[in-house]
Amino acid sequence: MADVSRAHPGSAAEPALTGKLIAGAVGGLGGGVVFGMMMAMMGMLTVIAGMVGSSNGFVGFIVHMVISAIIGAGFGLVFGSKALDFQSGALWGAIYGVIWWILGPLLIMPIMMGMGPQFGMALTMPMMLSLMGHVSFGVVAGLVYPLAVRRFA
């Protein structure tokens, strides 16, 4: 599906743009399932549903998975060339998770819900749990990415 431009010993070959986007989306879905289970256990899926005017946890999970696939595709685009093996995938995934923790629950989501940026809440327990979830998302996405690259390259 994707053209191989160079290979790293012991790692996946670097795919073309389409392969990076697809592999990233697949990685994002993997990370999304793990993070979604964490959010379900904490009762947070209704908060995600609120982004689309719902209070239904299942709606929240669907919204979360769509966002996960999109953010995962972004991972492939931004870090795909660096995440071609498990070690680098996990590292870049963790970094990407931190970036999205800042962008998502501290900036974009509260603005969408009319609350404004929530940077002052960053060190609260709920936000620390959110950070753990976002890092988990990123690590799983980064671990799935090289496998997906091998499948779609």
N, C-alpha and C. Protein backbone atom coordinates (compact mmCIF):
# COMPACT_ATOMS: atom_id res chain seq x y z
N MET A 1 0.82 -1.18 0.00
CA MET A 1 0.00 0.00 0.00
C MET A 1 0.87 1.25 0.00
N ALA A 2 1.90 1.30 0.82
CA ALA A 2 2.78 2.48 0.86
C ALA A 2 4.12 2.11 0.26
N ASP A 3 4.76 3.10 -0.32
CA ASP A 3 6.09 2.89 -0.88
C ASP A 3 7.11 2.89 0.25
N VAL A 4 8.07 2.01 0.14
CA VAL A 4 9.13 1.94 1.13
C VAL A 4 10.27 2.83 0.65
N SER A 5 10.65 3.81 1.51
CA SER A 5 11.73 4.69 1.10
C SER A 5 13.05 4.34 1.76
N ARG A 6 13.02 3.77 2.98
CA ARG A 6 14.24 3.28 3.61
C ARG A 6 13.86 2.33 4.72
N ALA A 7 14.76 1.47 5.08
CA ALA A 7 14.48 0.50 6.14
C ALA A 7 15.50 0.65 7.25
N HIS A 8 15.08 0.41 8.49
CA HIS A 8 15.94 0.42 9.65
C HIS A 8 16.08 -1.03 10.10
N PRO A 9 17.30 -1.48 10.37
CA PRO A 9 17.46 -2.87 10.84
C PRO A 9 16.60 -3.12 12.08
N GLY A 10 15.85 -4.19 12.05
CA GLY A 10 15.03 -4.58 13.19
C GLY A 10 13.78 -3.74 13.38
N SER A 11 13.45 -2.95 12.40
CA SER A 11 12.27 -2.10 12.53
C SER A 11 11.46 -2.16 11.25
N ALA A 12 10.30 -1.52 11.29
CA ALA A 12 9.46 -1.45 10.10
C ALA A 12 10.10 -0.50 9.09
N ALA A 13 9.80 -0.72 7.83
CA ALA A 13 10.26 0.19 6.79
C ALA A 13 9.42 1.46 6.86
N GLU A 14 10.04 2.59 6.56
CA GLU A 14 9.29 3.84 6.60
C GLU A 14 8.31 3.89 5.43
N PRO A 15 7.03 4.10 5.73
CA PRO A 15 6.03 4.13 4.67
C PRO A 15 5.87 5.52 4.07
N ALA A 16 5.16 5.58 2.98
CA ALA A 16 4.77 6.85 2.40
C ALA A 16 3.69 7.48 3.27
N LEU A 17 3.26 8.68 2.92
CA LEU A 17 2.29 9.43 3.72
C LEU A 17 1.02 8.65 4.03
N THR A 18 0.45 8.02 3.02
CA THR A 18 -0.80 7.27 3.24
C THR A 18 -0.60 6.15 4.26
N GLY A 19 0.51 5.45 4.16
CA GLY A 19 0.81 4.38 5.12
C GLY A 19 0.97 4.91 6.53
N LYS A 20 1.63 6.08 6.66
CA LYS A 20 1.79 6.70 7.99
C LYS A 20 0.44 7.06 8.59
N LEU A 21 -0.44 7.62 7.77
CA LEU A 21 -1.76 8.02 8.27
C LEU A 21 -2.60 6.81 8.68
N ILE A 22 -2.59 5.78 7.85
CA ILE A 22 -3.38 4.58 8.16
C ILE A 22 -2.82 3.88 9.39
N ALA A 23 -1.50 3.67 9.42
CA ALA A 23 -0.89 3.00 10.57
C ALA A 23 -1.09 3.81 11.83
N GLY A 24 -1.02 5.14 11.72
CA GLY A 24 -1.27 5.99 12.87
C GLY A 24 -2.69 5.88 13.37
N ALA A 25 -3.66 5.86 12.45
CA ALA A 25 -5.06 5.71 12.83
C ALA A 25 -5.29 4.37 13.52
N VAL A 26 -4.68 3.31 13.00
CA VAL A 26 -4.81 1.99 13.64
C VAL A 26 -4.20 2.03 15.04
N GLY A 27 -3.02 2.63 15.17
CA GLY A 27 -2.41 2.78 16.48
C GLY A 27 -3.29 3.58 17.41
N GLY A 28 -3.88 4.66 16.89
CA GLY A 28 -4.78 5.49 17.68
C GLY A 28 -6.00 4.72 18.17
N LEU A 29 -6.52 3.85 17.33
CA LEU A 29 -7.66 3.03 17.76
C LEU A 29 -7.24 2.07 18.88
N GLY A 30 -6.04 1.50 18.76
CA GLY A 30 -5.54 0.63 19.84
C GLY A 30 -5.39 1.39 21.14
N GLY A 31 -4.75 2.56 21.07
CA GLY A 31 -4.61 3.40 22.25
C GLY A 31 -5.95 3.87 22.77
N GLY A 32 -6.88 4.14 21.85
CA GLY A 32 -8.20 4.60 22.22
C GLY A 32 -8.99 3.56 23.00
N VAL A 33 -8.84 2.30 22.64
CA VAL A 33 -9.53 1.23 23.38
C VAL A 33 -9.01 1.18 24.82
N VAL A 34 -7.70 1.23 24.98
CA VAL A 34 -7.12 1.17 26.33
C VAL A 34 -7.55 2.39 27.15
N PHE A 35 -7.39 3.57 26.58
CA PHE A 35 -7.76 4.79 27.29
C PHE A 35 -9.28 4.83 27.52
N GLY A 36 -10.05 4.36 26.56
CA GLY A 36 -11.50 4.33 26.71
C GLY A 36 -11.94 3.45 27.86
N MET A 37 -11.27 2.31 28.05
CA MET A 37 -11.59 1.45 29.19
C MET A 37 -11.27 2.16 30.50
N MET A 38 -10.15 2.88 30.53
CA MET A 38 -9.80 3.63 31.73
C MET A 38 -10.86 4.69 32.02
N MET A 39 -11.28 5.41 30.98
CA MET A 39 -12.30 6.45 31.17
C MET A 39 -13.63 5.86 31.60
N ALA A 40 -13.98 4.70 31.05
CA ALA A 40 -15.23 4.05 31.44
C ALA A 40 -15.21 3.69 32.92
N MET A 41 -14.08 3.19 33.40
CA MET A 41 -13.97 2.82 34.82
C MET A 41 -14.08 4.04 35.73
N MET A 42 -13.68 5.20 35.22
CA MET A 42 -13.73 6.42 36.03
C MET A 42 -15.01 7.22 35.77
N GLY A 43 -15.90 6.70 34.91
CA GLY A 43 -17.15 7.39 34.62
C GLY A 43 -16.99 8.65 33.80
N MET A 44 -15.95 8.72 32.99
CA MET A 44 -15.64 9.95 32.25
C MET A 44 -16.21 9.99 30.83
N LEU A 45 -16.78 8.89 30.35
CA LEU A 45 -17.27 8.88 28.97
C LEU A 45 -18.46 9.82 28.79
N THR A 46 -19.21 10.08 29.84
CA THR A 46 -20.32 11.03 29.72
C THR A 46 -19.79 12.46 29.52
N VAL A 47 -18.61 12.75 30.08
CA VAL A 47 -18.00 14.07 29.87
C VAL A 47 -17.63 14.23 28.40
N ILE A 48 -17.07 13.18 27.81
CA ILE A 48 -16.72 13.21 26.38
C ILE A 48 -17.98 13.36 25.55
N ALA A 49 -19.04 12.66 25.94
CA ALA A 49 -20.32 12.78 25.22
C ALA A 49 -20.82 14.21 25.24
N GLY A 50 -20.53 14.93 26.32
CA GLY A 50 -20.94 16.33 26.43
C GLY A 50 -20.36 17.20 25.33
N MET A 51 -19.28 16.78 24.71
CA MET A 51 -18.69 17.55 23.61
C MET A 51 -19.63 17.63 22.41
N VAL A 52 -20.53 16.65 22.30
CA VAL A 52 -21.49 16.65 21.18
C VAL A 52 -22.93 16.80 21.69
N GLY A 53 -23.06 17.31 22.92
CA GLY A 53 -24.39 17.60 23.45
C GLY A 53 -25.14 16.40 23.99
N SER A 54 -24.44 15.33 24.33
CA SER A 54 -25.08 14.13 24.86
C SER A 54 -24.57 13.87 26.27
N SER A 55 -25.25 12.98 26.97
CA SER A 55 -24.78 12.54 28.28
C SER A 55 -24.68 11.01 28.32
N ASN A 56 -24.74 10.38 27.15
CA ASN A 56 -24.72 8.93 27.04
C ASN A 56 -23.28 8.43 26.94
N GLY A 57 -22.92 7.50 27.83
CA GLY A 57 -21.56 6.96 27.85
C GLY A 57 -21.17 6.28 26.55
N PHE A 58 -22.10 5.58 25.90
CA PHE A 58 -21.78 4.91 24.64
C PHE A 58 -21.46 5.95 23.56
N VAL A 59 -22.23 7.04 23.54
CA VAL A 59 -21.95 8.13 22.60
C VAL A 59 -20.55 8.69 22.89
N GLY A 60 -20.24 8.83 24.17
CA GLY A 60 -18.91 9.30 24.56
C GLY A 60 -17.81 8.40 24.06
N PHE A 61 -18.04 7.07 24.14
CA PHE A 61 -17.03 6.13 23.66
C PHE A 61 -16.85 6.25 22.15
N ILE A 62 -17.94 6.39 21.41
CA ILE A 62 -17.84 6.54 19.95
C ILE A 62 -17.08 7.82 19.61
N VAL A 63 -17.42 8.93 20.27
CA VAL A 63 -16.72 10.19 20.04
C VAL A 63 -15.23 10.02 20.36
N HIS A 64 -14.95 9.38 21.49
CA HIS A 64 -13.57 9.13 21.90
C HIS A 64 -12.81 8.32 20.85
N MET A 65 -13.43 7.29 20.29
CA MET A 65 -12.75 6.45 19.30
C MET A 65 -12.51 7.20 17.99
N VAL A 66 -13.46 8.04 17.58
CA VAL A 66 -13.24 8.86 16.38
C VAL A 66 -12.07 9.80 16.60
N ILE A 67 -12.06 10.46 17.75
CA ILE A 67 -10.96 11.36 18.08
C ILE A 67 -9.64 10.58 18.14
N SER A 68 -9.68 9.38 18.71
CA SER A 68 -8.47 8.55 18.82
C SER A 68 -7.90 8.21 17.45
N ALA A 69 -8.75 7.87 16.50
CA ALA A 69 -8.27 7.55 15.15
C ALA A 69 -7.66 8.78 14.49
N ILE A 70 -8.29 9.94 14.66
CA ILE A 70 -7.77 11.17 14.06
C ILE A 70 -6.43 11.55 14.70
N ILE A 71 -6.39 11.51 16.03
CA ILE A 71 -5.14 11.85 16.73
C ILE A 71 -4.05 10.83 16.40
N GLY A 72 -4.44 9.56 16.26
CA GLY A 72 -3.49 8.54 15.86
C GLY A 72 -2.91 8.80 14.48
N ALA A 73 -3.77 9.21 13.55
CA ALA A 73 -3.27 9.57 12.21
C ALA A 73 -2.27 10.71 12.32
N GLY A 74 -2.55 11.65 13.21
CA GLY A 74 -1.61 12.74 13.45
C GLY A 74 -0.28 12.23 13.98
N PHE A 75 -0.33 11.21 14.83
CA PHE A 75 0.91 10.60 15.33
C PHE A 75 1.73 10.05 14.16
N GLY A 76 1.06 9.34 13.26
CA GLY A 76 1.76 8.80 12.11
C GLY A 76 2.39 9.90 11.26
N LEU A 77 1.67 10.98 11.10
CA LEU A 77 2.15 12.11 10.30
C LEU A 77 3.34 12.80 10.97
N VAL A 78 3.22 13.06 12.27
CA VAL A 78 4.25 13.83 12.97
C VAL A 78 5.45 12.99 13.38
N PHE A 79 5.20 11.81 13.96
CA PHE A 79 6.28 11.00 14.52
C PHE A 79 6.51 9.67 13.79
N GLY A 80 5.75 9.42 12.72
CA GLY A 80 5.83 8.13 12.04
C GLY A 80 7.21 7.74 11.57
N SER A 81 8.00 8.69 11.12
CA SER A 81 9.36 8.38 10.65
C SER A 81 10.29 8.04 11.80
N LYS A 82 9.94 8.43 13.01
CA LYS A 82 10.78 8.19 14.18
C LYS A 82 10.32 6.98 14.99
N ALA A 83 9.14 6.45 14.72
CA ALA A 83 8.52 5.42 15.57
C ALA A 83 8.42 4.09 14.84
N LEU A 84 9.50 3.66 14.22
CA LEU A 84 9.45 2.46 13.38
C LEU A 84 9.80 1.18 14.13
N ASP A 85 10.11 1.27 15.42
CA ASP A 85 10.31 0.08 16.24
C ASP A 85 9.60 0.30 17.57
N PHE A 86 9.53 -0.73 18.39
CA PHE A 86 8.75 -0.65 19.62
C PHE A 86 9.31 0.38 20.60
N GLN A 87 10.61 0.40 20.77
CA GLN A 87 11.22 1.31 21.74
C GLN A 87 10.96 2.77 21.36
N SER A 88 11.26 3.13 20.13
CA SER A 88 11.03 4.52 19.73
C SER A 88 9.54 4.83 19.63
N GLY A 89 8.74 3.84 19.23
CA GLY A 89 7.29 4.04 19.18
C GLY A 89 6.73 4.37 20.55
N ALA A 90 7.16 3.63 21.57
CA ALA A 90 6.68 3.88 22.93
C ALA A 90 7.14 5.24 23.43
N LEU A 91 8.39 5.60 23.15
CA LEU A 91 8.91 6.89 23.60
C LEU A 91 8.18 8.05 22.93
N TRP A 92 8.09 8.04 21.60
CA TRP A 92 7.42 9.12 20.88
C TRP A 92 5.92 9.13 21.18
N GLY A 93 5.37 7.94 21.42
CA GLY A 93 3.96 7.86 21.80
C GLY A 93 3.71 8.52 23.15
N ALA A 94 4.59 8.29 24.11
CA ALA A 94 4.44 8.93 25.43
C ALA A 94 4.52 10.44 25.30
N ILE A 95 5.46 10.93 24.51
CA ILE A 95 5.59 12.37 24.29
C ILE A 95 4.33 12.91 23.63
N TYR A 96 3.82 12.19 22.64
CA TYR A 96 2.61 12.61 21.94
C TYR A 96 1.41 12.62 22.89
N GLY A 97 1.36 11.65 23.80
CA GLY A 97 0.29 11.62 24.80
C GLY A 97 0.32 12.85 25.70
N VAL A 98 1.51 13.28 26.11
CA VAL A 98 1.63 14.49 26.94
C VAL A 98 1.17 15.71 26.16
N ILE A 99 1.58 15.80 24.90
CA ILE A 99 1.16 16.92 24.05
C ILE A 99 -0.36 16.98 23.98
N TRP A 100 -1.01 15.82 23.77
CA TRP A 100 -2.47 15.81 23.66
C TRP A 100 -3.16 15.99 25.00
N TRP A 101 -2.50 15.67 26.09
CA TRP A 101 -3.06 15.98 27.41
C TRP A 101 -3.16 17.50 27.56
N ILE A 102 -2.14 18.21 27.12
CA ILE A 102 -2.16 19.67 27.18
C ILE A 102 -3.22 20.23 26.22
N LEU A 103 -3.20 19.74 24.99
CA LEU A 103 -4.13 20.25 23.98
C LEU A 103 -5.58 19.87 24.26
N GLY A 104 -5.81 18.63 24.67
CA GLY A 104 -7.18 18.13 24.83
C GLY A 104 -7.89 18.65 26.07
N PRO A 105 -7.67 18.02 27.23
CA PRO A 105 -8.45 18.39 28.41
C PRO A 105 -8.09 19.74 29.03
N LEU A 106 -6.93 20.27 28.72
CA LEU A 106 -6.56 21.56 29.30
C LEU A 106 -6.89 22.74 28.38
N LEU A 107 -7.06 22.47 27.09
CA LEU A 107 -7.28 23.58 26.16
C LEU A 107 -8.52 23.39 25.28
N ILE A 108 -8.49 22.44 24.36
CA ILE A 108 -9.55 22.32 23.35
C ILE A 108 -10.90 21.94 23.95
N MET A 109 -10.93 20.88 24.74
CA MET A 109 -12.21 20.41 25.27
C MET A 109 -12.89 21.45 26.16
N PRO A 110 -12.17 22.07 27.11
CA PRO A 110 -12.88 23.07 27.92
C PRO A 110 -13.34 24.28 27.10
N ILE A 111 -12.58 24.66 26.10
CA ILE A 111 -13.01 25.77 25.24
C ILE A 111 -14.29 25.37 24.50
N MET A 112 -14.33 24.13 23.97
CA MET A 112 -15.54 23.65 23.28
C MET A 112 -16.75 23.65 24.21
N MET A 113 -16.51 23.46 25.49
CA MET A 113 -17.61 23.37 26.45
C MET A 113 -17.87 24.71 27.13
N GLY A 114 -17.26 25.79 26.62
CA GLY A 114 -17.52 27.13 27.12
C GLY A 114 -16.86 27.49 28.43
N MET A 115 -15.84 26.74 28.85
CA MET A 115 -15.20 26.99 30.15
C MET A 115 -13.89 27.76 30.03
N GLY A 116 -13.32 27.84 28.86
CA GLY A 116 -12.01 28.47 28.71
C GLY A 116 -10.91 27.50 29.07
N PRO A 117 -9.65 27.86 28.78
CA PRO A 117 -8.51 26.98 29.10
C PRO A 117 -8.47 26.64 30.59
N GLN A 118 -8.01 25.45 30.91
CA GLN A 118 -7.99 24.97 32.29
C GLN A 118 -6.57 24.67 32.78
N PHE A 119 -5.59 25.48 32.37
CA PHE A 119 -4.21 25.22 32.75
C PHE A 119 -4.00 25.25 34.27
N GLY A 120 -4.80 26.03 34.98
CA GLY A 120 -4.70 26.09 36.43
C GLY A 120 -5.11 24.79 37.10
N MET A 121 -5.79 23.91 36.37
CA MET A 121 -6.24 22.63 36.91
C MET A 121 -5.23 21.51 36.66
N ALA A 122 -4.12 21.80 35.99
CA ALA A 122 -3.19 20.76 35.54
C ALA A 122 -2.68 19.86 36.65
N LEU A 123 -2.47 20.38 37.84
CA LEU A 123 -1.88 19.57 38.91
C LEU A 123 -2.91 18.96 39.85
N THR A 124 -4.18 19.00 39.48
CA THR A 124 -5.21 18.37 40.30
C THR A 124 -5.23 16.86 40.05
N MET A 125 -5.79 16.12 40.99
CA MET A 125 -5.84 14.66 40.83
C MET A 125 -6.58 14.23 39.56
N PRO A 126 -7.75 14.80 39.24
CA PRO A 126 -8.40 14.38 37.99
C PRO A 126 -7.53 14.61 36.76
N MET A 127 -6.80 15.70 36.73
CA MET A 127 -5.95 15.97 35.57
C MET A 127 -4.71 15.07 35.55
N MET A 128 -4.21 14.69 36.73
CA MET A 128 -3.09 13.74 36.77
C MET A 128 -3.55 12.37 36.26
N LEU A 129 -4.78 11.98 36.60
CA LEU A 129 -5.33 10.73 36.06
C LEU A 129 -5.50 10.85 34.55
N SER A 130 -5.93 12.00 34.09
CA SER A 130 -6.06 12.25 32.66
C SER A 130 -4.69 12.16 31.98
N LEU A 131 -3.67 12.72 32.62
CA LEU A 131 -2.31 12.63 32.07
C LEU A 131 -1.90 11.17 31.93
N MET A 132 -2.16 10.37 32.96
CA MET A 132 -1.82 8.94 32.89
C MET A 132 -2.55 8.27 31.73
N GLY A 133 -3.81 8.62 31.54
CA GLY A 133 -4.58 8.05 30.43
C GLY A 133 -4.03 8.46 29.08
N HIS A 134 -3.68 9.73 28.93
CA HIS A 134 -3.15 10.21 27.66
C HIS A 134 -1.78 9.60 27.35
N VAL A 135 -0.95 9.46 28.37
CA VAL A 135 0.35 8.81 28.15
C VAL A 135 0.14 7.34 27.79
N SER A 136 -0.80 6.68 28.47
CA SER A 136 -1.11 5.28 28.12
C SER A 136 -1.58 5.18 26.68
N PHE A 137 -2.47 6.09 26.28
CA PHE A 137 -2.92 6.14 24.89
C PHE A 137 -1.72 6.24 23.95
N GLY A 138 -0.83 7.19 24.23
CA GLY A 138 0.31 7.40 23.35
C GLY A 138 1.25 6.22 23.28
N VAL A 139 1.52 5.60 24.42
CA VAL A 139 2.43 4.44 24.44
C VAL A 139 1.81 3.29 23.64
N VAL A 140 0.54 3.00 23.86
CA VAL A 140 -0.10 1.92 23.10
C VAL A 140 -0.13 2.26 21.61
N ALA A 141 -0.50 3.49 21.27
CA ALA A 141 -0.51 3.89 19.86
C ALA A 141 0.89 3.74 19.26
N GLY A 142 1.91 4.14 20.03
CA GLY A 142 3.29 4.02 19.55
C GLY A 142 3.77 2.59 19.42
N LEU A 143 3.25 1.69 20.23
CA LEU A 143 3.60 0.27 20.12
C LEU A 143 2.87 -0.40 18.96
N VAL A 144 1.64 0.00 18.72
CA VAL A 144 0.86 -0.58 17.62
C VAL A 144 1.36 -0.04 16.28
N TYR A 145 1.82 1.20 16.25
CA TYR A 145 2.21 1.85 14.99
C TYR A 145 3.20 1.02 14.16
N PRO A 146 4.34 0.56 14.71
CA PRO A 146 5.26 -0.21 13.86
C PRO A 146 4.66 -1.51 13.35
N LEU A 147 3.76 -2.12 14.12
CA LEU A 147 3.09 -3.32 13.65
C LEU A 147 2.17 -2.97 12.48
N ALA A 148 1.44 -1.87 12.62
CA ALA A 148 0.53 -1.45 11.55
C ALA A 148 1.30 -1.02 10.31
N VAL A 149 2.45 -0.40 10.50
CA VAL A 149 3.29 -0.02 9.35
C VAL A 149 3.70 -1.27 8.58
N ARG A 150 4.08 -2.32 9.29
CA ARG A 150 4.47 -3.56 8.62
C ARG A 150 3.30 -4.14 7.84
N ARG A 151 2.10 -3.98 8.39
CA ARG A 151 0.90 -4.53 7.74
C ARG A 151 0.48 -3.73 6.51
N PHE A 152 0.61 -2.40 6.59
CA PHE A 152 0.09 -1.55 5.53
C PHE A 152 1.16 -1.00 4.58
N ALA A 153 2.43 -1.26 4.87
CA ALA A 153 3.50 -0.72 4.00
C ALA A 153 3.70 -1.61 2.79
